[in-house]
Amino acid sequence: MTHTATDPGAEFDRQVRTLVERDWPSTAHLTPERFTTLVAPLRGLVTDITDIADGAWAPETGRVPFLLVVTRDVVPIEQTMARTTLHGRNVPGFVDRSFEPGALERFVAVEETRLPDPRAYLLFDVERGEEFCGAVPKDAMDTIAARGRSPLTIEEGVALITLFPELLVKNKCFSLGGSRSGDRRVPAIWISRHAPKLGWCWEGNPHTWLGMASAGSRHAATQR
Protein backbone atom coordinates (compact mmCIF):
# COMPACT_ATOMS: atom_id res chain seq x y z
CA MET A 1 0.00 0.00 0.00
CA THR A 2 1.21 3.51 -0.80
CA HIS A 3 0.21 6.31 1.54
CA THR A 4 -0.97 9.29 -0.50
CA ALA A 5 -2.23 11.49 2.33
CA THR A 6 -1.37 15.15 1.91
CA ASP A 7 -3.05 16.31 5.13
CA PRO A 8 -0.57 15.80 8.01
CA GLY A 9 -3.38 15.91 10.56
CA ALA A 10 -5.19 13.08 8.79
CA GLU A 11 -1.97 11.08 8.65
CA PHE A 12 -1.43 11.58 12.38
CA ASP A 13 -4.97 10.33 13.01
CA ARG A 14 -4.26 7.26 10.85
CA GLN A 15 -1.16 6.46 12.87
CA VAL A 16 -3.04 6.71 16.17
CA ARG A 17 -5.87 4.60 14.78
CA THR A 18 -3.42 1.96 13.57
CA LEU A 19 -1.81 1.63 17.00
CA VAL A 20 -5.22 1.28 18.60
CA GLU A 21 -6.24 -1.34 16.03
CA ARG A 22 -2.98 -3.18 16.71
CA ASP A 23 -4.05 -3.30 20.37
CA TRP A 24 -1.19 -1.22 21.73
CA PRO A 25 -3.40 0.29 24.48
CA SER A 26 -3.93 -3.08 26.14
CA THR A 27 -0.16 -3.64 26.37
CA ALA A 28 -0.04 -0.47 28.47
CA HIS A 29 -3.15 -1.45 30.49
CA LEU A 30 -4.92 1.56 29.02
CA THR A 31 -8.28 1.92 27.37
CA PRO A 32 -8.20 3.06 23.74
CA GLU A 33 -9.58 6.40 24.91
CA ARG A 34 -6.81 6.95 27.48
CA PHE A 35 -4.15 5.89 24.98
CA THR A 36 -5.53 8.35 22.43
CA THR A 37 -5.59 11.10 25.06
CA LEU A 38 -1.92 10.39 25.86
CA VAL A 39 -0.75 11.03 22.29
CA ALA A 40 -3.36 13.62 21.22
CA PRO A 41 -1.28 16.70 22.18
CA LEU A 42 1.30 15.69 19.57
CA ARG A 43 -1.16 16.32 16.75
CA GLY A 44 -0.49 20.04 16.99
CA LEU A 45 3.11 19.46 15.92
CA VAL A 46 2.06 18.32 12.46
CA THR A 47 -0.92 20.50 11.62
CA ASP A 48 1.31 23.41 10.54
CA ILE A 49 3.51 21.32 8.22
CA THR A 50 3.25 22.72 4.71
CA ASP A 51 6.42 21.47 3.03
CA ILE A 52 5.75 17.73 2.63
CA ALA A 53 6.61 16.94 -0.98
CA ASP A 54 4.24 15.16 -3.33
CA GLY A 55 4.64 11.41 -2.99
CA ALA A 56 6.27 11.69 0.45
CA TRP A 57 3.87 9.10 1.87
CA ALA A 58 5.38 6.29 -0.15
CA PRO A 59 7.25 4.22 2.44
CA GLU A 60 8.42 1.75 -0.20
CA THR A 61 10.95 4.48 -1.04
CA GLY A 62 12.31 4.17 2.48
CA ARG A 63 11.30 7.61 3.75
CA VAL A 64 8.40 9.05 5.73
CA PRO A 65 7.95 12.66 6.91
CA PHE A 66 6.94 11.89 10.51
CA LEU A 67 6.29 8.99 12.84
CA LEU A 68 4.40 8.65 16.11
CA VAL A 69 6.56 6.95 18.75
CA VAL A 70 5.36 5.54 22.08
CA THR A 71 8.22 4.34 24.26
CA ARG A 72 8.75 1.25 26.39
CA ASP A 73 7.82 3.33 29.43
CA VAL A 74 4.25 2.94 28.16
CA VAL A 75 4.23 -0.15 25.90
CA PRO A 76 6.58 -3.14 26.36
CA ILE A 77 8.82 -3.85 23.37
CA GLU A 78 8.21 -7.61 23.41
CA GLN A 79 4.46 -7.09 23.18
CA THR A 80 4.49 -4.39 20.52
CA MET A 81 6.97 -6.39 18.44
CA ALA A 82 4.51 -9.29 18.57
CA ARG A 83 1.91 -6.99 17.01
CA THR A 84 3.98 -6.32 13.90
CA THR A 85 3.67 -8.20 10.61
CA LEU A 86 5.15 -7.96 7.16
CA HIS A 87 3.01 -6.17 4.60
CA GLY A 88 0.39 -8.59 3.27
CA ARG A 89 1.19 -11.31 5.82
CA ASN A 90 -0.16 -12.23 9.25
CA VAL A 91 2.78 -13.98 10.94
CA PRO A 92 3.57 -11.96 14.10
CA GLY A 93 6.96 -10.39 14.65
CA PHE A 94 9.22 -11.53 17.47
CA VAL A 95 12.29 -10.77 19.57
CA ASP A 96 15.20 -13.06 18.76
CA ARG A 97 16.47 -15.45 21.42
CA SER A 98 19.98 -14.00 20.98
CA PHE A 99 18.86 -11.41 23.53
CA GLU A 100 19.74 -13.21 26.73
CA PRO A 101 17.38 -12.71 29.71
CA GLY A 102 17.50 -9.09 30.80
CA ALA A 103 19.50 -7.97 27.75
CA LEU A 104 16.72 -6.12 25.96
CA GLU A 105 16.17 -3.89 28.99
CA ARG A 106 19.81 -2.80 28.81
CA PHE A 107 19.45 -1.55 25.22
CA VAL A 108 18.46 2.02 25.98
CA ALA A 109 18.54 5.26 24.01
CA VAL A 110 22.03 6.71 23.69
CA GLU A 111 22.59 10.24 24.90
CA GLU A 112 22.98 11.56 21.36
CA THR A 113 19.36 10.74 20.51
CA ARG A 114 18.11 13.30 23.04
CA LEU A 115 14.65 11.84 23.52
CA PRO A 116 12.30 14.80 24.03
CA ASP A 117 9.80 12.90 26.17
CA PRO A 118 10.03 9.59 28.05
CA ARG A 119 6.56 8.44 26.96
CA ALA A 120 5.52 9.70 23.52
CA TYR A 121 6.86 12.04 20.84
CA LEU A 122 7.12 12.56 17.09
CA LEU A 123 10.05 11.56 14.91
CA PHE A 124 10.61 13.68 11.78
CA ASP A 125 12.33 13.04 8.44
CA VAL A 126 12.73 9.29 8.84
CA GLU A 127 14.94 7.29 6.48
CA ARG A 128 15.21 3.50 6.25
CA GLY A 129 18.88 3.91 5.40
CA GLU A 130 19.45 1.31 2.70
CA GLU A 131 22.36 3.38 1.42
CA PHE A 132 24.25 1.83 4.33
CA CYS A 133 23.60 -1.77 3.30
CA GLY A 134 27.03 -3.40 3.18
CA ALA A 135 28.59 -0.68 5.36
CA VAL A 136 30.13 -1.30 8.76
CA PRO A 137 27.45 -0.22 11.28
CA LYS A 138 29.88 1.92 13.28
CA ASP A 139 30.91 3.76 10.10
CA ALA A 140 27.26 4.24 9.15
CA MET A 141 26.51 5.78 12.54
CA ASP A 142 29.49 8.13 12.19
CA THR A 143 28.24 9.26 8.76
CA ILE A 144 24.73 9.82 10.10
CA ALA A 145 26.08 11.91 12.98
CA ALA A 146 28.16 13.99 10.58
CA ARG A 147 24.94 14.85 8.71
CA GLY A 148 23.33 16.15 11.89
CA ARG A 149 20.98 13.17 12.06
CA SER A 150 20.67 10.35 14.59
CA PRO A 151 20.02 6.61 14.33
CA LEU A 152 16.67 5.21 15.37
CA THR A 153 16.04 3.55 18.74
CA ILE A 154 14.43 0.14 19.15
CA GLU A 155 11.05 1.68 19.98
CA GLU A 156 11.27 3.92 16.92
CA GLY A 157 12.07 0.95 14.70
CA VAL A 158 9.11 -1.02 16.04
CA ALA A 159 6.82 1.97 15.51
CA LEU A 160 8.13 2.36 11.97
CA ILE A 161 7.30 -1.18 10.86
CA THR A 162 4.00 -1.11 12.74
CA LEU A 163 2.78 2.06 11.04
CA PHE A 164 4.50 1.42 7.70
CA PRO A 165 4.86 -2.37 7.34
CA GLU A 166 5.56 -2.04 3.60
CA LEU A 167 8.84 -0.37 4.50
CA LEU A 168 10.42 -3.62 5.77
CA VAL A 169 11.39 -5.62 2.68
CA LYS A 170 14.01 -8.18 1.69
CA ASN A 171 17.54 -6.76 1.34
CA LYS A 172 16.42 -3.38 2.75
CA CYS A 173 16.26 -4.10 6.46
CA PHE A 174 17.89 -1.81 9.01
CA SER A 175 19.90 -1.42 12.20
CA LEU A 176 18.76 0.70 15.13
CA GLY A 177 21.93 2.30 16.43
CA GLY A 178 20.05 4.73 18.67
CA SER A 179 19.70 2.01 21.33
CA ARG A 180 22.86 0.49 22.80
CA SER A 181 23.76 -1.60 25.83
CA GLY A 182 27.36 -0.52 26.36
CA ASP A 183 28.88 -3.31 24.27
CA ARG A 184 29.52 -3.90 20.56
CA ARG A 185 26.01 -5.08 19.75
CA VAL A 186 23.73 -2.98 17.54
CA PRO A 187 20.02 -3.89 17.49
CA ALA A 188 18.37 -4.38 14.12
CA ILE A 189 15.09 -5.44 12.53
CA TRP A 190 15.08 -7.84 9.62
CA ILE A 191 12.93 -10.59 8.12
CA SER A 192 12.98 -14.15 9.44
CA ARG A 193 10.43 -16.95 9.08
CA HIS A 194 8.12 -14.63 7.10
CA ALA A 195 7.93 -12.13 9.96
CA PRO A 196 9.77 -9.12 11.37
CA LYS A 197 12.52 -10.07 13.83
CA LEU A 198 14.24 -7.84 16.36
CA GLY A 199 17.80 -9.05 16.80
CA TRP A 200 21.28 -7.59 16.88
CA CYS A 201 24.56 -7.57 14.94
CA TRP A 202 28.12 -6.59 15.83
CA GLU A 203 29.01 -2.94 15.23
CA GLY A 204 32.03 -3.96 13.14
CA ASN A 205 30.31 -6.54 10.91
CA PRO A 206 28.70 -5.32 7.65
CA HIS A 207 25.71 -7.05 6.06
CA THR A 208 24.61 -6.50 2.47
CA TRP A 209 20.93 -6.60 3.47
CA LEU A 210 21.14 -4.39 6.56
CA GLY A 211 21.29 -0.59 6.47
CA MET A 212 21.02 1.99 9.27
CA ALA A 213 17.76 3.85 9.89
CA SER A 214 17.94 7.48 10.97
CA ALA A 215 15.87 10.58 11.64
CA GLY A 216 16.28 14.33 11.32
CA SER A 217 14.73 15.38 14.64
CA ARG A 218 12.45 14.48 17.54
CA HIS A 219 9.79 16.68 19.12
CA ALA A 220 7.47 16.42 22.10
CA ALA A 221 4.20 18.26 22.66
CA THR A 222 5.86 20.87 24.87
CA GLN A 223 8.36 21.76 22.14
CA ARG A 224 8.21 23.80 18.96
C-alpha atoms as a PDB file:
ATOM      1  CA  MET A   1       0.000   0.000   0.000  1.00  0.00           C
ATOM      2  CA  THR A   2       1.206   3.514  -0.796  1.00  0.00           C
ATOM      3  CA  HIS A   3       0.214   6.315   1.535  1.00  0.00           C
ATOM      4  CA  THR A   4      -0.970   9.287  -0.496  1.00  0.00           C
ATOM      5  CA  ALA A   5      -2.227  11.491   2.333  1.00  0.00           C
ATOM      6  CA  THR A   6      -1.372  15.149   1.910  1.00  0.00           C
ATOM      7  CA  ASP A   7      -3.048  16.312   5.132  1.00  0.00           C
ATOM      8  CA  PRO A   8      -0.571  15.804   8.006  1.00  0.00           C
ATOM      9  CA  GLY A   9      -3.378  15.908  10.563  1.00  0.00           C
ATOM     10  CA  ALA A  10      -5.194  13.083   8.794  1.00  0.00           C
ATOM     11  CA  GLU A  11      -1.969  11.076   8.654  1.00  0.00           C
ATOM     12  CA  PHE A  12      -1.426  11.583  12.377  1.00  0.00           C
ATOM     13  CA  ASP A  13      -4.966  10.328  13.011  1.00  0.00           C
ATOM     14  CA  ARG A  14      -4.262   7.258  10.852  1.00  0.00           C
ATOM     15  CA  GLN A  15      -1.165   6.460  12.866  1.00  0.00           C
ATOM     16  CA  VAL A  16      -3.042   6.714  16.166  1.00  0.00           C
ATOM     17  CA  ARG A  17      -5.871   4.602  14.778  1.00  0.00           C
ATOM     18  CA  THR A  18      -3.421   1.957  13.569  1.00  0.00           C
ATOM     19  CA  LEU A  19      -1.807   1.627  17.002  1.00  0.00           C
ATOM     20  CA  VAL A  20      -5.223   1.280  18.602  1.00  0.00           C
ATOM     21  CA  GLU A  21      -6.243  -1.337  16.030  1.00  0.00           C
ATOM     22  CA  ARG A  22      -2.985  -3.184  16.714  1.00  0.00           C
ATOM     23  CA  ASP A  23      -4.052  -3.302  20.370  1.00  0.00           C
ATOM     24  CA  TRP A  24      -1.195  -1.216  21.728  1.00  0.00           C
ATOM     25  CA  PRO A  25      -3.404   0.294  24.481  1.00  0.00           C
ATOM     26  CA  SER A  26      -3.928  -3.085  26.138  1.00  0.00           C
ATOM     27  CA  THR A  27      -0.156  -3.643  26.373  1.00  0.00           C
ATOM     28  CA  ALA A  28      -0.043  -0.473  28.474  1.00  0.00           C
ATOM     29  CA  HIS A  29      -3.146  -1.451  30.486  1.00  0.00           C
ATOM     30  CA  LEU A  30      -4.924   1.557  29.020  1.00  0.00           C
ATOM     31  CA  THR A  31      -8.284   1.921  27.366  1.00  0.00           C
ATOM     32  CA  PRO A  32      -8.202   3.062  23.737  1.00  0.00           C
ATOM     33  CA  GLU A  33      -9.582   6.404  24.915  1.00  0.00           C
ATOM     34  CA  ARG A  34      -6.814   6.947  27.480  1.00  0.00           C
ATOM     35  CA  PHE A  35      -4.154   5.893  24.984  1.00  0.00           C
ATOM     36  CA  THR A  36      -5.532   8.354  22.427  1.00  0.00           C
ATOM     37  CA  THR A  37      -5.586  11.096  25.058  1.00  0.00           C
ATOM     38  CA  LEU A  38      -1.922  10.391  25.861  1.00  0.00           C
ATOM     39  CA  VAL A  39      -0.749  11.034  22.290  1.00  0.00           C
ATOM     40  CA  ALA A  40      -3.357  13.615  21.222  1.00  0.00           C
ATOM     41  CA  PRO A  41      -1.275  16.698  22.181  1.00  0.00           C
ATOM     42  CA  LEU A  42       1.303  15.689  19.571  1.00  0.00           C
ATOM     43  CA  ARG A  43      -1.156  16.322  16.751  1.00  0.00           C
ATOM     44  CA  GLY A  44      -0.494  20.038  16.989  1.00  0.00           C
ATOM     45  CA  LEU A  45       3.113  19.458  15.920  1.00  0.00           C
ATOM     46  CA  VAL A  46       2.064  18.317  12.456  1.00  0.00           C
ATOM     47  CA  THR A  47      -0.916  20.500  11.618  1.00  0.00           C
ATOM     48  CA  ASP A  48       1.311  23.407  10.538  1.00  0.00           C
ATOM     49  CA  ILE A  49       3.509  21.320   8.225  1.00  0.00           C
ATOM     50  CA  THR A  50       3.249  22.716   4.707  1.00  0.00           C
ATOM     51  CA  ASP A  51       6.421  21.469   3.032  1.00  0.00           C
ATOM     52  CA  ILE A  52       5.753  17.735   2.634  1.00  0.00           C
ATOM     53  CA  ALA A  53       6.608  16.941  -0.982  1.00  0.00           C
ATOM     54  CA  ASP A  54       4.241  15.160  -3.328  1.00  0.00           C
ATOM     55  CA  GLY A  55       4.643  11.406  -2.988  1.00  0.00           C
ATOM     56  CA  ALA A  56       6.271  11.687   0.455  1.00  0.00           C
ATOM     57  CA  TRP A  57       3.868   9.100   1.874  1.00  0.00           C
ATOM     58  CA  ALA A  58       5.381   6.292  -0.154  1.00  0.00           C
ATOM     59  CA  PRO A  59       7.253   4.218   2.440  1.00  0.00           C
ATOM     60  CA  GLU A  60       8.424   1.754  -0.199  1.00  0.00           C
ATOM     61  CA  THR A  61      10.947   4.485  -1.040  1.00  0.00           C
ATOM     62  CA  GLY A  62      12.309   4.168   2.484  1.00  0.00           C
ATOM     63  CA  ARG A  63      11.304   7.612   3.747  1.00  0.00           C
ATOM     64  CA  VAL A  64       8.398   9.052   5.730  1.00  0.00           C
ATOM     65  CA  PRO A  65       7.949  12.657   6.911  1.00  0.00           C
ATOM     66  CA  PHE A  66       6.943  11.894  10.505  1.00  0.00           C
ATOM     67  CA  LEU A  67       6.293   8.988  12.840  1.00  0.00           C
ATOM     68  CA  LEU A  68       4.398   8.654  16.109  1.00  0.00           C
ATOM     69  CA  VAL A  69       6.562   6.950  18.752  1.00  0.00           C
ATOM     70  CA  VAL A  70       5.361   5.543  22.076  1.00  0.00           C
ATOM     71  CA  THR A  71       8.219   4.344  24.264  1.00  0.00           C
ATOM     72  CA  ARG A  72       8.754   1.253  26.391  1.00  0.00           C
ATOM     73  CA  ASP A  73       7.817   3.331  29.433  1.00  0.00           C
ATOM     74  CA  VAL A  74       4.254   2.936  28.160  1.00  0.00           C
ATOM     75  CA  VAL A  75       4.229  -0.149  25.899  1.00  0.00           C
ATOM     76  CA  PRO A  76       6.583  -3.144  26.359  1.00  0.00           C
ATOM     77  CA  ILE A  77       8.821  -3.853  23.366  1.00  0.00           C
ATOM     78  CA  GLU A  78       8.209  -7.605  23.415  1.00  0.00           C
ATOM     79  CA  GLN A  79       4.458  -7.089  23.181  1.00  0.00           C
ATOM     80  CA  THR A  80       4.490  -4.388  20.519  1.00  0.00           C
ATOM     81  CA  MET A  81       6.967  -6.392  18.437  1.00  0.00           C
ATOM     82  CA  ALA A  82       4.513  -9.290  18.574  1.00  0.00           C
ATOM     83  CA  ARG A  83       1.908  -6.992  17.012  1.00  0.00           C
ATOM     84  CA  THR A  84       3.984  -6.322  13.898  1.00  0.00           C
ATOM     85  CA  THR A  85       3.670  -8.199  10.611  1.00  0.00           C
ATOM     86  CA  LEU A  86       5.153  -7.958   7.157  1.00  0.00           C
ATOM     87  CA  HIS A  87       3.012  -6.174   4.600  1.00  0.00           C
ATOM     88  CA  GLY A  88       0.393  -8.594   3.269  1.00  0.00           C
ATOM     89  CA  ARG A  89       1.189 -11.315   5.822  1.00  0.00           C
ATOM     90  CA  ASN A  90      -0.165 -12.225   9.246  1.00  0.00           C
ATOM     91  CA  VAL A  91       2.781 -13.977  10.943  1.00  0.00           C
ATOM     92  CA  PRO A  92       3.570 -11.963  14.100  1.00  0.00           C
ATOM     93  CA  GLY A  93       6.961 -10.388  14.650  1.00  0.00           C
ATOM     94  CA  PHE A  94       9.221 -11.532  17.474  1.00  0.00           C
ATOM     95  CA  VAL A  95      12.295 -10.771  19.569  1.00  0.00           C
ATOM     96  CA  ASP A  96      15.201 -13.064  18.760  1.00  0.00           C
ATOM     97  CA  ARG A  97      16.475 -15.446  21.423  1.00  0.00           C
ATOM     98  CA  SER A  98      19.975 -14.001  20.982  1.00  0.00           C
ATOM     99  CA  PHE A  99      18.861 -11.405  23.528  1.00  0.00           C
ATOM    100  CA  GLU A 100      19.742 -13.207  26.734  1.00  0.00           C
ATOM    101  CA  PRO A 101      17.382 -12.715  29.708  1.00  0.00           C
ATOM    102  CA  GLY A 102      17.497  -9.091  30.804  1.00  0.00           C
ATOM    103  CA  ALA A 103      19.501  -7.969  27.753  1.00  0.00           C
ATOM    104  CA  LEU A 104      16.724  -6.116  25.965  1.00  0.00           C
ATOM    105  CA  GLU A 105      16.167  -3.893  28.991  1.00  0.00           C
ATOM    106  CA  ARG A 106      19.807  -2.798  28.806  1.00  0.00           C
ATOM    107  CA  PHE A 107      19.453  -1.547  25.218  1.00  0.00           C
ATOM    108  CA  VAL A 108      18.463   2.022  25.983  1.00  0.00           C
ATOM    109  CA  ALA A 109      18.539   5.260  24.010  1.00  0.00           C
ATOM    110  CA  VAL A 110      22.030   6.707  23.692  1.00  0.00           C
ATOM    111  CA  GLU A 111      22.595  10.242  24.901  1.00  0.00           C
ATOM    112  CA  GLU A 112      22.977  11.561  21.364  1.00  0.00           C
ATOM    113  CA  THR A 113      19.360  10.735  20.511  1.00  0.00           C
ATOM    114  CA  ARG A 114      18.106  13.302  23.043  1.00  0.00           C
ATOM    115  CA  LEU A 115      14.652  11.842  23.523  1.00  0.00           C
ATOM    116  CA  PRO A 116      12.298  14.803  24.031  1.00  0.00           C
ATOM    117  CA  ASP A 117       9.795  12.900  26.174  1.00  0.00           C
ATOM    118  CA  PRO A 118      10.030   9.587  28.054  1.00  0.00           C
ATOM    119  CA  ARG A 119       6.558   8.435  26.960  1.00  0.00           C
ATOM    120  CA  ALA A 120       5.516   9.698  23.517  1.00  0.00           C
ATOM    121  CA  TYR A 121       6.859  12.039  20.841  1.00  0.00           C
ATOM    122  CA  LEU A 122       7.120  12.558  17.087  1.00  0.00           C
ATOM    123  CA  LEU A 123      10.049  11.555  14.905  1.00  0.00           C
ATOM    124  CA  PHE A 124      10.614  13.684  11.783  1.00  0.00           C
ATOM    125  CA  ASP A 125      12.327  13.043   8.439  1.00  0.00           C
ATOM    126  CA  VAL A 126      12.727   9.289   8.835  1.00  0.00           C
ATOM    127  CA  GLU A 127      14.937   7.286   6.479  1.00  0.00           C
ATOM    128  CA  ARG A 128      15.206   3.498   6.251  1.00  0.00           C
ATOM    129  CA  GLY A 129      18.879   3.909   5.404  1.00  0.00           C
ATOM    130  CA  GLU A 130      19.445   1.311   2.696  1.00  0.00           C
ATOM    131  CA  GLU A 131      22.359   3.385   1.418  1.00  0.00           C
ATOM    132  CA  PHE A 132      24.252   1.831   4.334  1.00  0.00           C
ATOM    133  CA  CYS A 133      23.596  -1.768   3.304  1.00  0.00           C
ATOM    134  CA  GLY A 134      27.030  -3.395   3.180  1.00  0.00           C
ATOM    135  CA  ALA A 135      28.589  -0.681   5.355  1.00  0.00           C
ATOM    136  CA  VAL A 136      30.134  -1.300   8.760  1.00  0.00           C
ATOM    137  CA  PRO A 137      27.454  -0.222  11.285  1.00  0.00           C
ATOM    138  CA  LYS A 138      29.882   1.922  13.279  1.00  0.00           C
ATOM    139  CA  ASP A 139      30.911   3.761  10.095  1.00  0.00           C
ATOM    140  CA  ALA A 140      27.263   4.241   9.150  1.00  0.00           C
ATOM    141  CA  MET A 141      26.514   5.785  12.536  1.00  0.00           C
ATOM    142  CA  ASP A 142      29.488   8.134  12.192  1.00  0.00           C
ATOM    143  CA  THR A 143      28.241   9.263   8.763  1.00  0.00           C
ATOM    144  CA  ILE A 144      24.725   9.823  10.100  1.00  0.00           C
ATOM    145  CA  ALA A 145      26.076  11.908  12.985  1.00  0.00           C
ATOM    146  CA  ALA A 146      28.160  13.995  10.576  1.00  0.00           C
ATOM    147  CA  ARG A 147      24.944  14.846   8.710  1.00  0.00           C
ATOM    148  CA  GLY A 148      23.325  16.153  11.889  1.00  0.00           C
ATOM    149  CA  ARG A 149      20.975  13.174  12.064  1.00  0.00           C
ATOM    150  CA  SER A 150      20.671  10.354  14.588  1.00  0.00           C
ATOM    151  CA  PRO A 151      20.023   6.606  14.328  1.00  0.00           C
ATOM    152  CA  LEU A 152      16.667   5.208  15.373  1.00  0.00           C
ATOM    153  CA  THR A 153      16.036   3.553  18.742  1.00  0.00           C
ATOM    154  CA  ILE A 154      14.429   0.137  19.149  1.00  0.00           C
ATOM    155  CA  GLU A 155      11.050   1.681  19.976  1.00  0.00           C
ATOM    156  CA  GLU A 156      11.266   3.923  16.924  1.00  0.00           C
ATOM    157  CA  GLY A 157      12.066   0.951  14.699  1.00  0.00           C
ATOM    158  CA  VAL A 158       9.109  -1.019  16.044  1.00  0.00           C
ATOM    159  CA  ALA A 159       6.825   1.973  15.514  1.00  0.00           C
ATOM    160  CA  LEU A 160       8.133   2.360  11.965  1.00  0.00           C
ATOM    161  CA  ILE A 161       7.303  -1.178  10.858  1.00  0.00           C
ATOM    162  CA  THR A 162       3.995  -1.111  12.740  1.00  0.00           C
ATOM    163  CA  LEU A 163       2.778   2.056  11.045  1.00  0.00           C
ATOM    164  CA  PHE A 164       4.503   1.423   7.697  1.00  0.00           C
ATOM    165  CA  PRO A 165       4.862  -2.366   7.335  1.00  0.00           C
ATOM    166  CA  GLU A 166       5.556  -2.043   3.601  1.00  0.00           C
ATOM    167  CA  LEU A 167       8.843  -0.365   4.500  1.00  0.00           C
ATOM    168  CA  LEU A 168      10.418  -3.618   5.766  1.00  0.00           C
ATOM    169  CA  VAL A 169      11.390  -5.622   2.683  1.00  0.00           C
ATOM    170  CA  LYS A 170      14.007  -8.178   1.686  1.00  0.00           C
ATOM    171  CA  ASN A 171      17.542  -6.762   1.340  1.00  0.00           C
ATOM    172  CA  LYS A 172      16.419  -3.376   2.747  1.00  0.00           C
ATOM    173  CA  CYS A 173      16.256  -4.097   6.456  1.00  0.00           C
ATOM    174  CA  PHE A 174      17.888  -1.805   9.009  1.00  0.00           C
ATOM    175  CA  SER A 175      19.902  -1.423  12.199  1.00  0.00           C
ATOM    176  CA  LEU A 176      18.757   0.696  15.127  1.00  0.00           C
ATOM    177  CA  GLY A 177      21.930   2.298  16.431  1.00  0.00           C
ATOM    178  CA  GLY A 178      20.052   4.730  18.671  1.00  0.00           C
ATOM    179  CA  SER A 179      19.701   2.013  21.327  1.00  0.00           C
ATOM    180  CA  ARG A 180      22.856   0.488  22.800  1.00  0.00           C
ATOM    181  CA  SER A 181      23.762  -1.598  25.834  1.00  0.00           C
ATOM    182  CA  GLY A 182      27.357  -0.523  26.360  1.00  0.00           C
ATOM    183  CA  ASP A 183      28.884  -3.309  24.266  1.00  0.00           C
ATOM    184  CA  ARG A 184      29.522  -3.901  20.564  1.00  0.00           C
ATOM    185  CA  ARG A 185      26.011  -5.083  19.751  1.00  0.00           C
ATOM    186  CA  VAL A 186      23.734  -2.975  17.543  1.00  0.00           C
ATOM    187  CA  PRO A 187      20.018  -3.886  17.494  1.00  0.00           C
ATOM    188  CA  ALA A 188      18.367  -4.378  14.120  1.00  0.00           C
ATOM    189  CA  ILE A 189      15.088  -5.437  12.532  1.00  0.00           C
ATOM    190  CA  TRP A 190      15.080  -7.844   9.617  1.00  0.00           C
ATOM    191  CA  ILE A 191      12.929 -10.591   8.122  1.00  0.00           C
ATOM    192  CA  SER A 192      12.977 -14.151   9.438  1.00  0.00           C
ATOM    193  CA  ARG A 193      10.429 -16.947   9.084  1.00  0.00           C
ATOM    194  CA  HIS A 194       8.124 -14.631   7.103  1.00  0.00           C
ATOM    195  CA  ALA A 195       7.929 -12.132   9.960  1.00  0.00           C
ATOM    196  CA  PRO A 196       9.775  -9.118  11.371  1.00  0.00           C
ATOM    197  CA  LYS A 197      12.517 -10.068  13.827  1.00  0.00           C
ATOM    198  CA  LEU A 198      14.238  -7.843  16.362  1.00  0.00           C
ATOM    199  CA  GLY A 199      17.803  -9.052  16.797  1.00  0.00           C
ATOM    200  CA  TRP A 200      21.279  -7.586  16.884  1.00  0.00           C
ATOM    201  CA  CYS A 201      24.558  -7.566  14.936  1.00  0.00           C
ATOM    202  CA  TRP A 202      28.117  -6.587  15.825  1.00  0.00           C
ATOM    203  CA  GLU A 203      29.007  -2.939  15.230  1.00  0.00           C
ATOM    204  CA  GLY A 204      32.031  -3.964  13.142  1.00  0.00           C
ATOM    205  CA  ASN A 205      30.313  -6.535  10.909  1.00  0.00           C
ATOM    206  CA  PRO A 206      28.698  -5.315   7.654  1.00  0.00           C
ATOM    207  CA  HIS A 207      25.706  -7.048   6.058  1.00  0.00           C
ATOM    208  CA  THR A 208      24.611  -6.500   2.465  1.00  0.00           C
ATOM    209  CA  TRP A 209      20.929  -6.595   3.465  1.00  0.00           C
ATOM    210  CA  LEU A 210      21.136  -4.387   6.559  1.00  0.00           C
ATOM    211  CA  GLY A 211      21.293  -0.589   6.473  1.00  0.00           C
ATOM    212  CA  MET A 212      21.024   1.989   9.273  1.00  0.00           C
ATOM    213  CA  ALA A 213      17.760   3.845   9.892  1.00  0.00           C
ATOM    214  CA  SER A 214      17.938   7.481  10.972  1.00  0.00           C
ATOM    215  CA  ALA A 215      15.871  10.585  11.640  1.00  0.00           C
ATOM    216  CA  GLY A 216      16.279  14.328  11.323  1.00  0.00           C
ATOM    217  CA  SER A 217      14.728  15.382  14.637  1.00  0.00           C
ATOM    218  CA  ARG A 218      12.453  14.476  17.538  1.00  0.00           C
ATOM    219  CA  HIS A 219       9.794  16.684  19.122  1.00  0.00           C
ATOM    220  CA  ALA A 220       7.471  16.417  22.096  1.00  0.00           C
ATOM    221  CA  ALA A 221       4.204  18.258  22.662  1.00  0.00           C
ATOM    222  CA  THR A 222       5.856  20.872  24.873  1.00  0.00           C
ATOM    223  CA  GLN A 223       8.357  21.762  22.145  1.00  0.00           C
ATOM    224  CA  ARG A 224       8.207  23.796  18.957  1.00  0.00           C
END
